[in-house]
Amino acid sequence: MALDYKLIGERLRKARTDKKLTQEKLSEMINVSVAYLSRIETGATHINLKRLNEICGILGVSEAYILNGASSNSETYLNNELSSILKDCAPENKELIYKIATLISAKGNK
């Protein structure tokens, strides 16, 4: 799966504006130029994981949300990813995954 840097930039911009930070303030906080931050937000520049982690920490959003729109608060969080894994598993591994998930689910409901 190729990363969509334009979409990543849009999510970062939205998270920044939701936090009521200007590009100037955020760029100062992470020690980059406003022009560089602007290029990240437009998808013109690829962001590395270290810088993404730094920005996400400041903005209070997860890297998963920025990279693929997944939010751990969503009811469908990781459904597609889990389905893909299960599709490729041998039957005995599916059974093991099911048993583990059942145990985890039961502990979460106590």
PDB file of N, CA and C in Angstrom:
ATOM      1  N   MET A   1       0.847  -1.176   0.000  1.00  0.00           N
ATOM      2  CA  MET A   1       0.000   0.000   0.000  1.00  0.00           C
ATOM      3  C   MET A   1       0.893   1.241   0.000  1.00  0.00           C
ATOM      4  N   ALA A   2       0.758   2.068  -0.990  1.00  0.00           N
ATOM      5  CA  ALA A   2       1.534   3.312  -1.083  1.00  0.00           C
ATOM      6  C   ALA A   2       0.896   4.372  -0.191  1.00  0.00           C
ATOM      7  N   LEU A   3       1.738   5.186   0.398  1.00  0.00           N
ATOM      8  CA  LEU A   3       1.240   6.263   1.239  1.00  0.00           C
ATOM      9  C   LEU A   3       0.762   7.423   0.377  1.00  0.00           C
ATOM     10  N   ASP A   4      -0.345   8.009   0.768  1.00  0.00           N
ATOM     11  CA  ASP A   4      -0.892   9.173   0.087  1.00  0.00           C
ATOM     12  C   ASP A   4      -0.462  10.409   0.883  1.00  0.00           C
ATOM     13  N   TYR A   5       0.650  11.018   0.462  1.00  0.00           N
ATOM     14  CA  TYR A   5       1.215  12.132   1.216  1.00  0.00           C
ATOM     15  C   TYR A   5       0.327  13.367   1.206  1.00  0.00           C
ATOM     16  N   LYS A   6      -0.487  13.511   0.173  1.00  0.00           N
ATOM     17  CA  LYS A   6      -1.424  14.634   0.145  1.00  0.00           C
ATOM     18  C   LYS A   6      -2.470  14.464   1.244  1.00  0.00           C
ATOM     19  N   LEU A   7      -2.989  13.257   1.392  1.00  0.00           N
ATOM     20  CA  LEU A   7      -3.979  12.978   2.429  1.00  0.00           C
ATOM     21  C   LEU A   7      -3.350  13.074   3.818  1.00  0.00           C
ATOM     22  N   ILE A   8      -2.121  12.600   3.958  1.00  0.00           N
ATOM     23  CA  ILE A   8      -1.399  12.722   5.227  1.00  0.00           C
ATOM     24  C   ILE A   8      -1.268  14.203   5.590  1.00  0.00           C
ATOM     25  N   GLY A   9      -0.885  15.011   4.619  1.00  0.00           N
ATOM     26  CA  GLY A   9      -0.755  16.450   4.846  1.00  0.00           C
ATOM     27  C   GLY A   9      -2.068  17.100   5.236  1.00  0.00           C
ATOM     28  N   GLU A  10      -3.160  16.679   4.589  1.00  0.00           N
ATOM     29  CA  GLU A  10      -4.480  17.230   4.921  1.00  0.00           C
ATOM     30  C   GLU A  10      -4.867  16.891   6.357  1.00  0.00           C
ATOM     31  N   ARG A  11      -4.589  15.655   6.768  1.00  0.00           N
ATOM     32  CA  ARG A  11      -4.904  15.257   8.147  1.00  0.00           C
ATOM     33  C   ARG A  11      -4.050  16.041   9.149  1.00  0.00           C
ATOM     34  N   LEU A  12      -2.770  16.241   8.818  1.00  0.00           N
ATOM     35  CA  LEU A  12      -1.908  17.023   9.698  1.00  0.00           C
ATOM     36  C   LEU A  12      -2.402  18.461   9.801  1.00  0.00           C
ATOM     37  N   ARG A  13      -2.789  19.039   8.670  1.00  0.00           N
ATOM     38  CA  ARG A  13      -3.288  20.418   8.672  1.00  0.00           C
ATOM     39  C   ARG A  13      -4.543  20.527   9.541  1.00  0.00           C
ATOM     40  N   LYS A  14      -5.454  19.568   9.375  1.00  0.00           N
ATOM     41  CA  LYS A  14      -6.683  19.594  10.165  1.00  0.00           C
ATOM     42  C   LYS A  14      -6.376  19.457  11.655  1.00  0.00           C
ATOM     43  N   ALA A  15      -5.480  18.543  12.004  1.00  0.00           N
ATOM     44  CA  ALA A  15      -5.110  18.364  13.416  1.00  0.00           C
ATOM     45  C   ALA A  15      -4.466  19.636  13.962  1.00  0.00           C
ATOM     46  N   ARG A  16      -3.647  20.283  13.149  1.00  0.00           N
ATOM     47  CA  ARG A  16      -2.995  21.531  13.576  1.00  0.00           C
ATOM     48  C   ARG A  16      -4.020  22.625  13.799  1.00  0.00           C
ATOM     49  N   THR A  17      -4.950  22.789  12.862  1.00  0.00           N
ATOM     50  CA  THR A  17      -5.944  23.854  12.999  1.00  0.00           C
ATOM     51  C   THR A  17      -6.932  23.533  14.125  1.00  0.00           C
ATOM     52  N   ASP A  18      -7.250  22.254  14.315  1.00  0.00           N
ATOM     53  CA  ASP A  18      -8.109  21.868  15.441  1.00  0.00           C
ATOM     54  C   ASP A  18      -7.460  22.246  16.772  1.00  0.00           C
ATOM     55  N   LYS A  19      -6.141  22.189  16.813  1.00  0.00           N
ATOM     56  CA  LYS A  19      -5.370  22.537  18.016  1.00  0.00           C
ATOM     57  C   LYS A  19      -5.132  24.046  18.088  1.00  0.00           C
ATOM     58  N   LYS A  20      -5.649  24.764  17.082  1.00  0.00           N
ATOM     59  CA  LYS A  20      -5.523  26.218  16.990  1.00  0.00           C
ATOM     60  C   LYS A  20      -4.068  26.687  16.957  1.00  0.00           C
ATOM     61  N   LEU A  21      -3.246  25.927  16.229  1.00  0.00           N
ATOM     62  CA  LEU A  21      -1.854  26.309  16.027  1.00  0.00           C
ATOM     63  C   LEU A  21      -1.671  26.823  14.610  1.00  0.00           C
ATOM     64  N   THR A  22      -0.897  27.870  14.466  1.00  0.00           N
ATOM     65  CA  THR A  22      -0.550  28.358  13.133  1.00  0.00           C
ATOM     66  C   THR A  22       0.624  27.533  12.608  1.00  0.00           C
ATOM     67  N   GLN A  23       0.833  27.607  11.301  1.00  0.00           N
ATOM     68  CA  GLN A  23       2.015  26.965  10.728  1.00  0.00           C
ATOM     69  C   GLN A  23       3.276  27.558  11.344  1.00  0.00           C
ATOM     70  N   GLU A  24       3.257  28.853  11.584  1.00  0.00           N
ATOM     71  CA  GLU A  24       4.423  29.519  12.159  1.00  0.00           C
ATOM     72  C   GLU A  24       4.759  28.945  13.534  1.00  0.00           C
ATOM     73  N   LYS A  25       3.742  28.788  14.383  1.00  0.00           N
ATOM     74  CA  LYS A  25       3.967  28.292  15.742  1.00  0.00           C
ATOM     75  C   LYS A  25       4.431  26.840  15.724  1.00  0.00           C
ATOM     76  N   LEU A  26       3.757  25.986  14.932  1.00  0.00           N
ATOM     77  CA  LEU A  26       4.149  24.578  14.886  1.00  0.00           C
ATOM     78  C   LEU A  26       5.545  24.423  14.305  1.00  0.00           C
ATOM     79  N   SER A  27       5.847  25.168  13.255  1.00  0.00           N
ATOM     80  CA  SER A  27       7.182  25.055  12.659  1.00  0.00           C
ATOM     81  C   SER A  27       8.256  25.486  13.655  1.00  0.00           C
ATOM     82  N   GLU A  28       7.952  26.468  14.469  1.00  0.00           N
ATOM     83  CA  GLU A  28       8.885  26.899  15.518  1.00  0.00           C
ATOM     84  C   GLU A  28       9.061  25.787  16.566  1.00  0.00           C
ATOM     85  N   MET A  29       7.965  25.130  16.915  1.00  0.00           N
ATOM     86  CA  MET A  29       8.009  24.079  17.933  1.00  0.00           C
ATOM     87  C   MET A  29       8.842  22.869  17.489  1.00  0.00           C
ATOM     88  N   ILE A  30       8.835  22.590  16.181  1.00  0.00           N
ATOM     89  CA  ILE A  30       9.580  21.423  15.682  1.00  0.00           C
ATOM     90  C   ILE A  30      10.867  21.826  14.969  1.00  0.00           C
ATOM     91  N   ASN A  31      11.168  23.120  15.019  1.00  0.00           N
ATOM     92  CA  ASN A  31      12.423  23.647  14.475  1.00  0.00           C
ATOM     93  C   ASN A  31      12.605  23.376  12.973  1.00  0.00           C
ATOM     94  N   VAL A  32      11.571  23.714  12.210  1.00  0.00           N
ATOM     95  CA  VAL A  32      11.646  23.654  10.743  1.00  0.00           C
ATOM     96  C   VAL A  32      11.092  24.971  10.198  1.00  0.00           C
ATOM     97  N   SER A  33      11.326  25.200   8.930  1.00  0.00           N
ATOM     98  CA  SER A  33      10.796  26.422   8.314  1.00  0.00           C
ATOM     99  C   SER A  33       9.298  26.278   8.049  1.00  0.00           C
ATOM    100  N   VAL A  34       8.628  27.414   7.987  1.00  0.00           N
ATOM    101  CA  VAL A  34       7.204  27.427   7.649  1.00  0.00           C
ATOM    102  C   VAL A  34       7.007  26.839   6.253  1.00  0.00           C
ATOM    103  N   ALA A  35       7.919  27.139   5.342  1.00  0.00           N
ATOM    104  CA  ALA A  35       7.817  26.623   3.975  1.00  0.00           C
ATOM    105  C   ALA A  35       7.872  25.092   3.967  1.00  0.00           C
ATOM    106  N   TYR A  36       8.752  24.518   4.784  1.00  0.00           N
ATOM    107  CA  TYR A  36       8.863  23.051   4.858  1.00  0.00           C
ATOM    108  C   TYR A  36       7.569  22.451   5.411  1.00  0.00           C
ATOM    109  N   LEU A  37       7.044  23.024   6.486  1.00  0.00           N
ATOM    110  CA  LEU A  37       5.788  22.529   7.055  1.00  0.00           C
ATOM    111  C   LEU A  37       4.659  22.659   6.047  1.00  0.00           C
ATOM    112  N   SER A  38       4.637  23.756   5.313  1.00  0.00           N
ATOM    113  CA  SER A  38       3.615  23.951   4.281  1.00  0.00           C
ATOM    114  C   SER A  38       3.708  22.867   3.211  1.00  0.00           C
ATOM    115  N   ARG A  39       4.923  22.510   2.804  1.00  0.00           N
ATOM    116  CA  ARG A  39       5.101  21.455   1.795  1.00  0.00           C
ATOM    117  C   ARG A  39       4.646  20.100   2.333  1.00  0.00           C
ATOM    118  N   ILE A  40       4.841  19.851   3.628  1.00  0.00           N
ATOM    119  CA  ILE A  40       4.339  18.606   4.227  1.00  0.00           C
ATOM    120  C   ILE A  40       2.814  18.602   4.158  1.00  0.00           C
ATOM    121  N   GLU A  41       2.205  19.716   4.535  1.00  0.00           N
ATOM    122  CA  GLU A  41       0.748  19.789   4.576  1.00  0.00           C
ATOM    123  C   GLU A  41       0.107  19.724   3.194  1.00  0.00           C
ATOM    124  N   THR A  42       0.827  20.079   2.157  1.00  0.00           N
ATOM    125  CA  THR A  42       0.273  19.978   0.809  1.00  0.00           C
ATOM    126  C   THR A  42       0.629  18.648   0.146  1.00  0.00           C
ATOM    127  N   GLY A  43       1.479  17.873   0.803  1.00  0.00           N
ATOM    128  CA  GLY A  43       1.897  16.587   0.242  1.00  0.00           C
ATOM    129  C   GLY A  43       3.051  16.705  -0.733  1.00  0.00           C
ATOM    130  N   ALA A  44       3.617  17.894  -0.867  1.00  0.00           N
ATOM    131  CA  ALA A  44       4.723  18.104  -1.802  1.00  0.00           C
ATOM    132  C   ALA A  44       6.034  17.535  -1.280  1.00  0.00           C
ATOM    133  N   THR A  45       6.126  17.379   0.048  1.00  0.00           N
ATOM    134  CA  THR A  45       7.315  16.814   0.683  1.00  0.00           C
ATOM    135  C   THR A  45       6.901  15.604   1.500  1.00  0.00           C
ATOM    136  N   HIS A  46       7.666  14.552   1.426  1.00  0.00           N
ATOM    137  CA  HIS A  46       7.395  13.360   2.224  1.00  0.00           C
ATOM    138  C   HIS A  46       7.922  13.565   3.634  1.00  0.00           C
ATOM    139  N   ILE A  47       7.139  13.156   4.608  1.00  0.00           N
ATOM    140  CA  ILE A  47       7.517  13.309   6.006  1.00  0.00           C
ATOM    141  C   ILE A  47       8.111  11.994   6.503  1.00  0.00           C
ATOM    142  N   ASN A  48       9.196  12.080   7.276  1.00  0.00           N
ATOM    143  CA  ASN A  48       9.764  10.850   7.823  1.00  0.00           C
ATOM    144  C   ASN A  48       9.062  10.505   9.140  1.00  0.00           C
ATOM    145  N   LEU A  49       9.227   9.263   9.577  1.00  0.00           N
ATOM    146  CA  LEU A  49       8.497   8.787  10.749  1.00  0.00           C
ATOM    147  C   LEU A  49       8.896   9.509  12.032  1.00  0.00           C
ATOM    148  N   LYS A  50      10.150   9.863  12.148  1.00  0.00           N
ATOM    149  CA  LYS A  50      10.597  10.587  13.349  1.00  0.00           C
ATOM    150  C   LYS A  50       9.896  11.936  13.449  1.00  0.00           C
ATOM    151  N   ARG A  51       9.852  12.656  12.340  1.00  0.00           N
ATOM    152  CA  ARG A  51       9.191  13.969  12.320  1.00  0.00           C
ATOM    153  C   ARG A  51       7.682  13.802  12.518  1.00  0.00           C
ATOM    154  N   LEU A  52       7.099  12.781  11.915  1.00  0.00           N
ATOM    155  CA  LEU A  52       5.671  12.520  12.076  1.00  0.00           C
ATOM    156  C   LEU A  52       5.352  12.262  13.545  1.00  0.00           C
ATOM    157  N   ASN A  53       6.169  11.451  14.198  1.00  0.00           N
ATOM    158  CA  ASN A  53       5.966  11.141  15.616  1.00  0.00           C
ATOM    159  C   ASN A  53       6.030  12.412  16.451  1.00  0.00           C
ATOM    160  N   GLU A  54       6.983  13.276  16.140  1.00  0.00           N
ATOM    161  CA  GLU A  54       7.138  14.533  16.864  1.00  0.00           C
ATOM    162  C   GLU A  54       5.900  15.422  16.704  1.00  0.00           C
ATOM    163  N   ILE A  55       5.434  15.560  15.473  1.00  0.00           N
ATOM    164  CA  ILE A  55       4.267  16.408  15.200  1.00  0.00           C
ATOM    165  C   ILE A  55       3.020  15.817  15.849  1.00  0.00           C
ATOM    166  N   CYS A  56       2.844  14.511  15.727  1.00  0.00           N
ATOM    167  CA  CYS A  56       1.662  13.868  16.315  1.00  0.00           C
ATOM    168  C   CYS A  56       1.629  14.051  17.830  1.00  0.00           C
ATOM    169  N   GLY A  57       2.793  13.984  18.467  1.00  0.00           N
ATOM    170  CA  GLY A  57       2.858  14.208  19.909  1.00  0.00           C
ATOM    171  C   GLY A  57       2.388  15.602  20.282  1.00  0.00           C
ATOM    172  N   ILE A  58       2.815  16.586  19.525  1.00  0.00           N
ATOM    173  CA  ILE A  58       2.415  17.972  19.780  1.00  0.00           C
ATOM    174  C   ILE A  58       0.927  18.168  19.522  1.00  0.00           C
ATOM    175  N   LEU A  59       0.429  17.558  18.444  1.00  0.00           N
ATOM    176  CA  LEU A  59      -0.969  17.755  18.056  1.00  0.00           C
ATOM    177  C   LEU A  59      -1.937  16.843  18.802  1.00  0.00           C
ATOM    178  N   GLY A  60      -1.398  15.837  19.491  1.00  0.00           N
ATOM    179  CA  GLY A  60      -2.261  14.935  20.257  1.00  0.00           C
ATOM    180  C   GLY A  60      -3.080  13.991  19.394  1.00  0.00           C
ATOM    181  N   VAL A  61      -2.494  13.573  18.271  1.00  0.00           N
ATOM    182  CA  VAL A  61      -3.164  12.609  17.394  1.00  0.00           C
ATOM    183  C   VAL A  61      -2.239  11.407  17.196  1.00  0.00           C
ATOM    184  N   SER A  62      -2.814  10.283  16.819  1.00  0.00           N
ATOM    185  CA  SER A  62      -1.996   9.091  16.612  1.00  0.00           C
ATOM    186  C   SER A  62      -1.413   9.074  15.202  1.00  0.00           C
ATOM    187  N   GLU A  63      -0.275   8.428  15.086  1.00  0.00           N
ATOM    188  CA  GLU A  63       0.344   8.260  13.775  1.00  0.00           C
ATOM    189  C   GLU A  63      -0.568   7.426  12.869  1.00  0.00           C
ATOM    190  N   ALA A  64      -1.260   6.445  13.467  1.00  0.00           N
ATOM    191  CA  ALA A  64      -2.169   5.595  12.684  1.00  0.00           C
ATOM    192  C   ALA A  64      -3.256   6.437  12.023  1.00  0.00           C
ATOM    193  N   TYR A  65      -3.800   7.387  12.770  1.00  0.00           N
ATOM    194  CA  TYR A  65      -4.833   8.241  12.187  1.00  0.00           C
ATOM    195  C   TYR A  65      -4.261   9.073  11.041  1.00  0.00           C
ATOM    196  N   ILE A  66      -3.096   9.657  11.249  1.00  0.00           N
ATOM    197  CA  ILE A  66      -2.499  10.506  10.217  1.00  0.00           C
ATOM    198  C   ILE A  66      -2.152   9.684   8.977  1.00  0.00           C
ATOM    199  N   LEU A  67      -1.612   8.493   9.160  1.00  0.00           N
ATOM    200  CA  LEU A  67      -1.181   7.682   8.022  1.00  0.00           C
ATOM    201  C   LEU A  67      -2.329   7.027   7.266  1.00  0.00           C
ATOM    202  N   ASN A  68      -3.348   6.549   7.987  1.00  0.00           N
ATOM    203  CA  ASN A  68      -4.406   5.819   7.271  1.00  0.00           C
ATOM    204  C   ASN A  68      -5.819   6.142   7.718  1.00  0.00           C
ATOM    205  N   GLY A  69      -5.976   7.156   8.546  1.00  0.00           N
ATOM    206  CA  GLY A  69      -7.322   7.561   8.965  1.00  0.00           C
ATOM    207  C   GLY A  69      -7.908   6.696  10.050  1.00  0.00           C
ATOM    208  N   ALA A  70      -7.141   5.720  10.551  1.00  0.00           N
ATOM    209  CA  ALA A  70      -7.644   4.814  11.581  1.00  0.00           C
ATOM    210  C   ALA A  70      -7.610   5.504  12.933  1.00  0.00           C
ATOM    211  N   SER A  71      -8.714   5.402  13.627  1.00  0.00           N
ATOM    212  CA  SER A  71      -8.789   5.942  14.979  1.00  0.00           C
ATOM    213  C   SER A  71      -9.158   4.816  15.924  1.00  0.00           C
ATOM    214  N   SER A  72      -8.404   4.656  16.982  1.00  0.00           N
ATOM    215  CA  SER A  72      -8.686   3.569  17.922  1.00  0.00           C
ATOM    216  C   SER A  72     -10.023   3.770  18.620  1.00  0.00           C
ATOM    217  N   ASN A  73     -10.629   4.942  18.459  1.00  0.00           N
ATOM    218  CA  ASN A  73     -11.954   5.185  19.034  1.00  0.00           C
ATOM    219  C   ASN A  73     -13.073   4.735  18.094  1.00  0.00           C
ATOM    220  N   SER A  74     -12.727   4.400  16.880  1.00  0.00           N
ATOM    221  CA  SER A  74     -13.715   4.004  15.885  1.00  0.00           C
ATOM    222  C   SER A  74     -14.124   2.543  16.060  1.00  0.00           C
ATOM    223  N   GLU A  75     -15.388   2.248  15.830  1.00  0.00           N
ATOM    224  CA  GLU A  75     -15.870   0.867  15.925  1.00  0.00           C
ATOM    225  C   GLU A  75     -15.253  -0.033  14.862  1.00  0.00           C
ATOM    226  N   THR A  76     -14.812   0.549  13.765  1.00  0.00           N
ATOM    227  CA  THR A  76     -14.234  -0.251  12.673  1.00  0.00           C
ATOM    228  C   THR A  76     -12.711  -0.254  12.687  1.00  0.00           C
ATOM    229  N   TYR A  77     -12.115   0.226  13.782  1.00  0.00           N
ATOM    230  CA  TYR A  77     -10.661   0.310  13.906  1.00  0.00           C
ATOM    231  C   TYR A  77     -10.027  -1.050  13.646  1.00  0.00           C
ATOM    232  N   LEU A  78      -9.157  -1.120  12.671  1.00  0.00           N
ATOM    233  CA  LEU A  78      -8.378  -2.299  12.267  1.00  0.00           C
ATOM    234  C   LEU A  78      -9.206  -3.451  11.692  1.00  0.00           C
ATOM    235  N   ASN A  79     -10.487  -3.248  11.429  1.00  0.00           N
ATOM    236  CA  ASN A  79     -11.287  -4.342  10.854  1.00  0.00           C
ATOM    237  C   ASN A  79     -10.712  -4.839   9.533  1.00  0.00           C
ATOM    238  N   ASN A  80     -10.364  -3.936   8.634  1.00  0.00           N
ATOM    239  CA  ASN A  80      -9.820  -4.346   7.339  1.00  0.00           C
ATOM    240  C   ASN A  80      -8.489  -5.056   7.495  1.00  0.00           C
ATOM    241  N   GLU A  81      -7.647  -4.530   8.392  1.00  0.00           N
ATOM    242  CA  GLU A  81      -6.337  -5.141   8.618  1.00  0.00           C
ATOM    243  C   GLU A  81      -6.479  -6.549   9.189  1.00  0.00           C
ATOM    244  N   LEU A  82      -7.382  -6.712  10.161  1.00  0.00           N
ATOM    245  CA  LEU A  82      -7.601  -8.040  10.742  1.00  0.00           C
ATOM    246  C   LEU A  82      -8.185  -9.008   9.710  1.00  0.00           C
ATOM    247  N   SER A  83      -9.098  -8.524   8.901  1.00  0.00           N
ATOM    248  CA  SER A  83      -9.682  -9.372   7.857  1.00  0.00           C
ATOM    249  C   SER A  83      -8.622  -9.855   6.876  1.00  0.00           C
ATOM    250  N   SER A  84      -7.714  -8.966   6.503  1.00  0.00           N
ATOM    251  CA  SER A  84      -6.635  -9.349   5.583  1.00  0.00           C
ATOM    252  C   SER A  84      -5.737 -10.412   6.188  1.00  0.00           C
ATOM    253  N   ILE A  85      -5.409 -10.254   7.461  1.00  0.00           N
ATOM    254  CA  ILE A  85      -4.566 -11.239   8.132  1.00  0.00           C
ATOM    255  C   ILE A  85      -5.268 -12.587   8.195  1.00  0.00           C
ATOM    256  N   LEU A  86      -6.528 -12.577   8.587  1.00  0.00           N
ATOM    257  CA  LEU A  86      -7.279 -13.835   8.709  1.00  0.00           C
ATOM    258  C   LEU A  86      -7.448 -14.537   7.367  1.00  0.00           C
ATOM    259  N   LYS A  87      -7.641 -13.757   6.326  1.00  0.00           N
ATOM    260  CA  LYS A  87      -7.830 -14.329   4.991  1.00  0.00           C
ATOM    261  C   LYS A  87      -6.646 -15.195   4.580  1.00  0.00           C
ATOM    262  N   ASP A  88      -5.445 -14.764   4.977  1.00  0.00           N
ATOM    263  CA  ASP A  88      -4.228 -15.456   4.565  1.00  0.00           C
ATOM    264  C   ASP A  88      -3.748 -16.508   5.561  1.00  0.00           C
ATOM    265  N   CYS A  89      -4.450 -16.678   6.678  1.00  0.00           N
ATOM    266  CA  CYS A  89      -4.022 -17.628   7.712  1.00  0.00           C
ATOM    267  C   CYS A  89      -4.467 -19.049   7.413  1.00  0.00           C
ATOM    268  N   ALA A  90      -3.656 -19.984   7.877  1.00  0.00           N
ATOM    269  CA  ALA A  90      -4.037 -21.406   7.841  1.00  0.00           C
ATOM    270  C   ALA A  90      -5.165 -21.608   8.858  1.00  0.00           C
ATOM    271  N   PRO A  91      -6.054 -22.587   8.616  1.00  0.00           N
ATOM    272  CA  PRO A  91      -7.191 -22.807   9.519  1.00  0.00           C
ATOM    273  C   PRO A  91      -6.795 -22.956  10.990  1.00  0.00           C
ATOM    274  N   GLU A  92      -5.703 -23.664  11.273  1.00  0.00           N
ATOM    275  CA  GLU A  92      -5.308 -23.845  12.678  1.00  0.00           C
ATOM    276  C   GLU A  92      -4.871 -22.521  13.320  1.00  0.00           C
ATOM    277  N   ASN A  93      -4.302 -21.634  12.514  1.00  0.00           N
ATOM    278  CA  ASN A  93      -3.925 -20.316  13.034  1.00  0.00           C
ATOM    279  C   ASN A  93      -5.151 -19.445  13.261  1.00  0.00           C
ATOM    280  N   LYS A  94      -6.156 -19.575  12.402  1.00  0.00           N
ATOM    281  CA  LYS A  94      -7.400 -18.836  12.601  1.00  0.00           C
ATOM    282  C   LYS A  94      -8.038 -19.236  13.919  1.00  0.00           C
ATOM    283  N   GLU A  95      -8.002 -20.528  14.210  1.00  0.00           N
ATOM    284  CA  GLU A  95      -8.577 -21.008  15.463  1.00  0.00           C
ATOM    285  C   GLU A  95      -7.815 -20.423  16.661  1.00  0.00           C
ATOM    286  N   LEU A  96      -6.509 -20.387  16.573  1.00  0.00           N
ATOM    287  CA  LEU A  96      -5.693 -19.823  17.646  1.00  0.00           C
ATOM    288  C   LEU A  96      -5.989 -18.335  17.829  1.00  0.00           C
ATOM    289  N   ILE A  97      -6.076 -17.610  16.739  1.00  0.00           N
ATOM    290  CA  ILE A  97      -6.396 -16.178  16.810  1.00  0.00           C
ATOM    291  C   ILE A  97      -7.771 -15.976  17.432  1.00  0.00           C
ATOM    292  N   TYR A  98      -8.715 -16.810  17.052  1.00  0.00           N
ATOM    293  CA  TYR A  98     -10.066 -16.728  17.615  1.00  0.00           C
ATOM    294  C   TYR A  98     -10.039 -16.942  19.124  1.00  0.00           C
ATOM    295  N   LYS A  99      -9.314 -17.968  19.567  1.00  0.00           N
ATOM    296  CA  LYS A  99      -9.250 -18.269  21.006  1.00  0.00           C
ATOM    297  C   LYS A  99      -8.605 -17.121  21.775  1.00  0.00           C
ATOM    298  N   ILE A 100      -7.535 -16.550  21.216  1.00  0.00           N
ATOM    299  CA  ILE A 100      -6.871 -15.422  21.874  1.00  0.00           C
ATOM    300  C   ILE A 100      -7.807 -14.224  21.939  1.00  0.00           C
ATOM    301  N   ALA A 101      -8.488 -13.927  20.837  1.00  0.00           N
ATOM    302  CA  ALA A 101      -9.412 -12.793  20.800  1.00  0.00           C
ATOM    303  C   ALA A 101     -10.555 -12.988  21.792  1.00  0.00           C
ATOM    304  N   THR A 102     -11.032 -14.223  21.923  1.00  0.00           N
ATOM    305  CA  THR A 102     -12.112 -14.521  22.869  1.00  0.00           C
ATOM    306  C   THR A 102     -11.646 -14.265  24.299  1.00  0.00           C
ATOM    307  N   LEU A 103     -10.428 -14.688  24.608  1.00  0.00           N
ATOM    308  CA  LEU A 103      -9.884 -14.458  25.948  1.00  0.00           C
ATOM    309  C   LEU A 103      -9.728 -12.965  26.232  1.00  0.00           C
ATOM    310  N   ILE A 104      -9.198 -12.257  25.293  1.00  0.00           N
ATOM    311  CA  ILE A 104      -8.992 -10.810  25.464  1.00  0.00           C
ATOM    312  C   ILE A 104     -10.332 -10.110  25.622  1.00  0.00           C
ATOM    313  N   SER A 105     -11.301 -10.484  24.802  1.00  0.00           N
ATOM    314  CA  SER A 105     -12.627  -9.871  24.858  1.00  0.00           C
ATOM    315  C   SER A 105     -13.289 -10.144  26.199  1.00  0.00           C
ATOM    316  N   ALA A 106     -13.153 -11.373  26.700  1.00  0.00           N
ATOM    317  CA  ALA A 106     -13.765 -11.725  27.987  1.00  0.00           C
ATOM    318  C   ALA A 106     -13.145 -10.914  29.126  1.00  0.00           C
ATOM    319  N   LYS A 107     -11.822 -10.697  29.080  1.00  0.00           N
ATOM    320  CA  LYS A 107     -11.146  -9.913  30.127  1.00  0.00           C
ATOM    321  C   LYS A 107     -11.560  -8.460  30.060  1.00  0.00           C
ATOM    322  N   GLY A 108     -11.794  -7.954  28.843  1.00  0.00           N
ATOM    323  CA  GLY A 108     -12.205  -6.573  28.684  1.00  0.00           C
ATOM    324  C   GLY A 108     -13.616  -6.317  29.166  1.00  0.00           C
ATOM    325  N   ASN A 109     -14.437  -7.363  29.238  1.00  0.00           N
ATOM    326  CA  ASN A 109     -15.834  -7.217  29.656  1.00  0.00           C
ATOM    327  C   ASN A 109     -16.024  -7.403  31.155  1.00  0.00           C
ATOM    328  N   LYS A 110     -14.951  -7.705  31.873  1.00  0.00           N
ATOM    329  CA  LYS A 110     -15.087  -7.914  33.340  1.00  0.00           C
ATOM    330  C   LYS A 110     -15.038  -6.614  34.074  1.00  0.00           C
TER     331      LYS A 110
END
